[in-house]
């Protein structure tokens, strides 16, 4: 995080493109953005759990954020990517998890003044912290702690190989 000349807090963020929506996250949450590769399916997992990826010697769960919100799967973009997230819950079983993206993330610097909070249409959607408009783009700020908790409940923490 940085301070501007007017003492306004700047947060370096990534705008992550999904199917029909965008996520806004601090860039410190994302360990790496990599080209899409098909995961190994996980038997008996919910539809939002796409499977497991091998990333830097670790088995990492790949999640469809749209699936978490109950949206149906669509056609995968030719520019699909995977964003590997650092887990901040301190769980040794889940140091990382990944989300499927539908394009290349965009870097931006957000301030409190550059974001407008939107009314929650679906306040009951657990993995949504809030909805905002930033630099003209509507975005969801996801609740990453809830996603981590859902993965841990499924017993889908990653493992070292």
Protein backbone atom coordinates (compact mmCIF):
# COMPACT_ATOMS: atom_id res chain seq x y z
CA UNK A 1 0.00 0.00 0.00
CA UNK A 2 1.21 3.49 -0.72
CA UNK A 3 0.34 7.01 0.30
CA UNK A 4 -0.34 9.68 -2.31
CA UNK A 5 0.61 13.34 -1.89
CA UNK A 6 -2.80 14.04 -0.37
CA UNK A 7 -2.39 11.28 2.25
CA UNK A 8 -5.04 9.19 0.51
CA UNK A 9 -4.41 5.47 0.86
CA UNK A 10 -3.68 3.75 -2.47
CA UNK A 11 -4.25 0.03 -2.77
CA UNK A 12 -2.62 -1.75 -5.68
CA UNK A 13 -5.31 -4.06 -7.05
CA UNK A 14 -6.03 -6.53 -9.80
CA UNK A 15 -9.26 -6.48 -11.77
CA UNK A 16 -9.86 -10.14 -12.63
CA UNK A 17 -12.14 -10.92 -15.61
CA UNK A 18 -14.63 -13.75 -15.16
CA UNK A 19 -17.72 -14.78 -17.16
CA UNK A 20 -20.03 -11.77 -17.06
CA UNK A 21 -18.36 -10.19 -14.02
CA UNK A 22 -15.06 -8.94 -12.62
CA UNK A 23 -13.40 -9.41 -9.26
CA UNK A 24 -11.35 -6.74 -7.51
CA UNK A 25 -8.63 -7.97 -5.15
CA UNK A 26 -5.48 -6.47 -3.62
CA UNK A 27 -2.54 -7.68 -5.72
CA UNK A 28 -0.87 -9.12 -2.59
CA UNK A 29 -3.59 -11.81 -2.56
CA UNK A 30 -2.44 -13.24 -5.89
CA UNK A 31 0.74 -15.31 -5.97
CA UNK A 32 0.73 -15.79 -9.74
CA UNK A 33 -1.39 -15.58 -12.87
CA UNK A 34 -0.65 -18.49 -15.19
CA UNK A 35 -2.05 -19.85 -18.46
CA UNK A 36 -5.09 -22.09 -18.03
CA UNK A 37 -4.52 -25.81 -17.74
CA UNK A 38 -7.18 -28.41 -17.15
CA UNK A 39 -7.34 -29.63 -13.55
CA UNK A 40 -7.57 -33.24 -12.41
CA UNK A 41 -11.26 -33.74 -11.50
CA UNK A 42 -12.15 -34.26 -7.85
CA UNK A 43 -14.70 -37.05 -7.32
CA UNK A 44 -17.93 -36.11 -5.49
CA UNK A 45 -17.03 -32.41 -5.38
CA UNK A 46 -19.60 -29.64 -5.85
CA UNK A 47 -19.87 -28.11 -9.33
CA UNK A 48 -17.88 -25.01 -8.31
CA UNK A 49 -14.86 -27.18 -7.46
CA UNK A 50 -13.23 -27.79 -10.82
CA UNK A 51 -10.44 -30.07 -9.62
CA UNK A 52 -6.80 -29.99 -8.54
CA UNK A 53 -3.83 -28.39 -10.30
CA UNK A 54 -0.14 -29.07 -9.87
CA UNK A 55 1.49 -25.69 -9.26
CA UNK A 56 5.09 -25.29 -8.11
CA UNK A 57 5.14 -28.74 -6.55
CA UNK A 58 1.82 -28.28 -4.71
CA UNK A 59 -1.61 -29.67 -5.44
CA UNK A 60 -3.91 -26.62 -5.55
CA UNK A 61 -7.73 -26.63 -5.71
CA UNK A 62 -9.19 -24.78 -8.73
CA UNK A 63 -12.49 -23.01 -8.05
CA UNK A 64 -15.07 -21.49 -10.38
CA UNK A 65 -16.17 -18.26 -8.69
CA UNK A 66 -19.18 -18.10 -10.99
CA UNK A 67 -20.07 -21.60 -9.82
CA UNK A 68 -19.92 -20.43 -6.19
CA UNK A 69 -22.54 -17.84 -7.08
CA UNK A 70 -24.72 -20.46 -8.78
CA UNK A 71 -24.03 -19.26 -12.32
CA UNK A 72 -23.84 -21.87 -15.01
CA UNK A 73 -20.59 -22.60 -16.74
CA UNK A 74 -20.08 -21.03 -20.13
CA UNK A 75 -17.58 -21.31 -22.92
CA UNK A 76 -14.00 -20.92 -21.75
CA UNK A 77 -12.25 -17.93 -23.30
CA UNK A 78 -9.23 -18.53 -25.52
CA UNK A 79 -7.42 -16.16 -23.14
CA UNK A 80 -8.36 -18.13 -20.01
CA UNK A 81 -5.93 -17.89 -17.12
CA UNK A 82 -5.60 -19.19 -13.58
CA UNK A 83 -5.02 -16.87 -10.65
CA UNK A 84 -3.28 -18.65 -7.77
CA UNK A 85 -4.22 -17.01 -4.47
CA UNK A 86 -2.23 -16.96 -1.27
CA UNK A 87 -4.32 -18.31 1.59
CA UNK A 88 -4.27 -15.97 4.54
CA UNK A 89 -6.11 -18.22 6.99
CA UNK A 90 -2.89 -19.79 8.27
CA UNK A 91 -4.02 -23.33 7.44
CA UNK A 92 -1.06 -25.55 6.57
CA UNK A 93 -3.40 -27.80 4.57
CA UNK A 94 -4.38 -24.93 2.24
CA UNK A 95 -1.48 -22.58 1.47
CA UNK A 96 -2.92 -21.74 -1.98
CA UNK A 97 -6.08 -22.04 -4.04
CA UNK A 98 -6.82 -20.94 -7.60
CA UNK A 99 -9.65 -19.28 -9.53
CA UNK A 100 -10.30 -19.62 -13.24
CA UNK A 101 -10.13 -16.29 -15.10
CA UNK A 102 -11.44 -15.49 -18.58
CA UNK A 103 -8.71 -13.09 -19.60
CA UNK A 104 -5.72 -11.09 -18.53
CA UNK A 105 -6.05 -9.18 -15.23
CA UNK A 106 -5.67 -5.42 -15.21
CA UNK A 107 -3.57 -3.61 -12.62
CA UNK A 108 -5.03 -0.52 -11.03
CA UNK A 109 -4.56 1.64 -7.97
CA UNK A 110 -7.74 2.06 -5.98
CA UNK A 111 -8.55 4.68 -3.39
CA UNK A 112 -11.61 5.15 -1.27
CA UNK A 113 -12.62 8.02 -3.53
CA UNK A 114 -12.12 6.04 -6.75
CA UNK A 115 -14.58 3.33 -5.63
CA UNK A 116 -18.33 3.61 -5.28
CA UNK A 117 -20.05 0.92 -3.25
CA UNK A 118 -23.09 -0.64 -4.94
CA UNK A 119 -26.17 -1.99 -3.23
CA UNK A 120 -26.05 -5.74 -2.73
CA UNK A 121 -28.51 -7.42 -5.07
CA UNK A 122 -27.94 -10.79 -3.50
CA UNK A 123 -26.79 -10.10 0.05
CA UNK A 124 -27.07 -13.80 0.87
CA UNK A 125 -24.30 -14.80 -1.54
CA UNK A 126 -21.64 -15.88 0.92
CA UNK A 127 -18.41 -15.35 -1.06
CA UNK A 128 -19.24 -11.68 -1.84
CA UNK A 129 -17.92 -9.00 0.51
CA UNK A 130 -19.39 -6.17 -1.53
CA UNK A 131 -19.95 -4.81 -5.02
CA UNK A 132 -18.19 -1.67 -6.21
CA UNK A 133 -17.64 0.51 -9.26
CA UNK A 134 -13.98 1.38 -9.77
CA UNK A 135 -12.64 3.32 -12.76
CA UNK A 136 -15.95 2.75 -14.55
CA UNK A 137 -15.94 -1.03 -14.06
CA UNK A 138 -18.45 -2.87 -11.90
CA UNK A 139 -16.66 -5.43 -9.75
CA UNK A 140 -17.17 -7.80 -6.86
CA UNK A 141 -14.82 -7.80 -3.91
CA UNK A 142 -14.84 -11.50 -3.02
CA UNK A 143 -14.73 -12.89 0.52
CA UNK A 144 -11.62 -15.03 0.18
CA UNK A 145 -11.88 -16.28 3.78
CA UNK A 146 -15.24 -17.87 3.00
CA UNK A 147 -13.81 -19.56 -0.11
CA UNK A 148 -10.91 -20.92 1.96
CA UNK A 149 -13.36 -22.19 4.57
CA UNK A 150 -15.49 -23.92 1.95
CA UNK A 151 -12.42 -25.70 0.55
CA UNK A 152 -11.29 -26.76 4.02
CA UNK A 153 -14.77 -28.13 4.77
CA UNK A 154 -14.49 -30.28 1.66
CA UNK A 155 -11.08 -31.52 2.80
CA UNK A 156 -9.57 -30.12 -0.41
CA UNK A 157 -6.50 -28.44 0.97
CA UNK A 158 -3.46 -28.67 -1.22
CA UNK A 159 -0.49 -30.92 -0.57
CA UNK A 160 3.20 -30.83 -1.38
CA UNK A 161 4.54 -33.37 -3.83
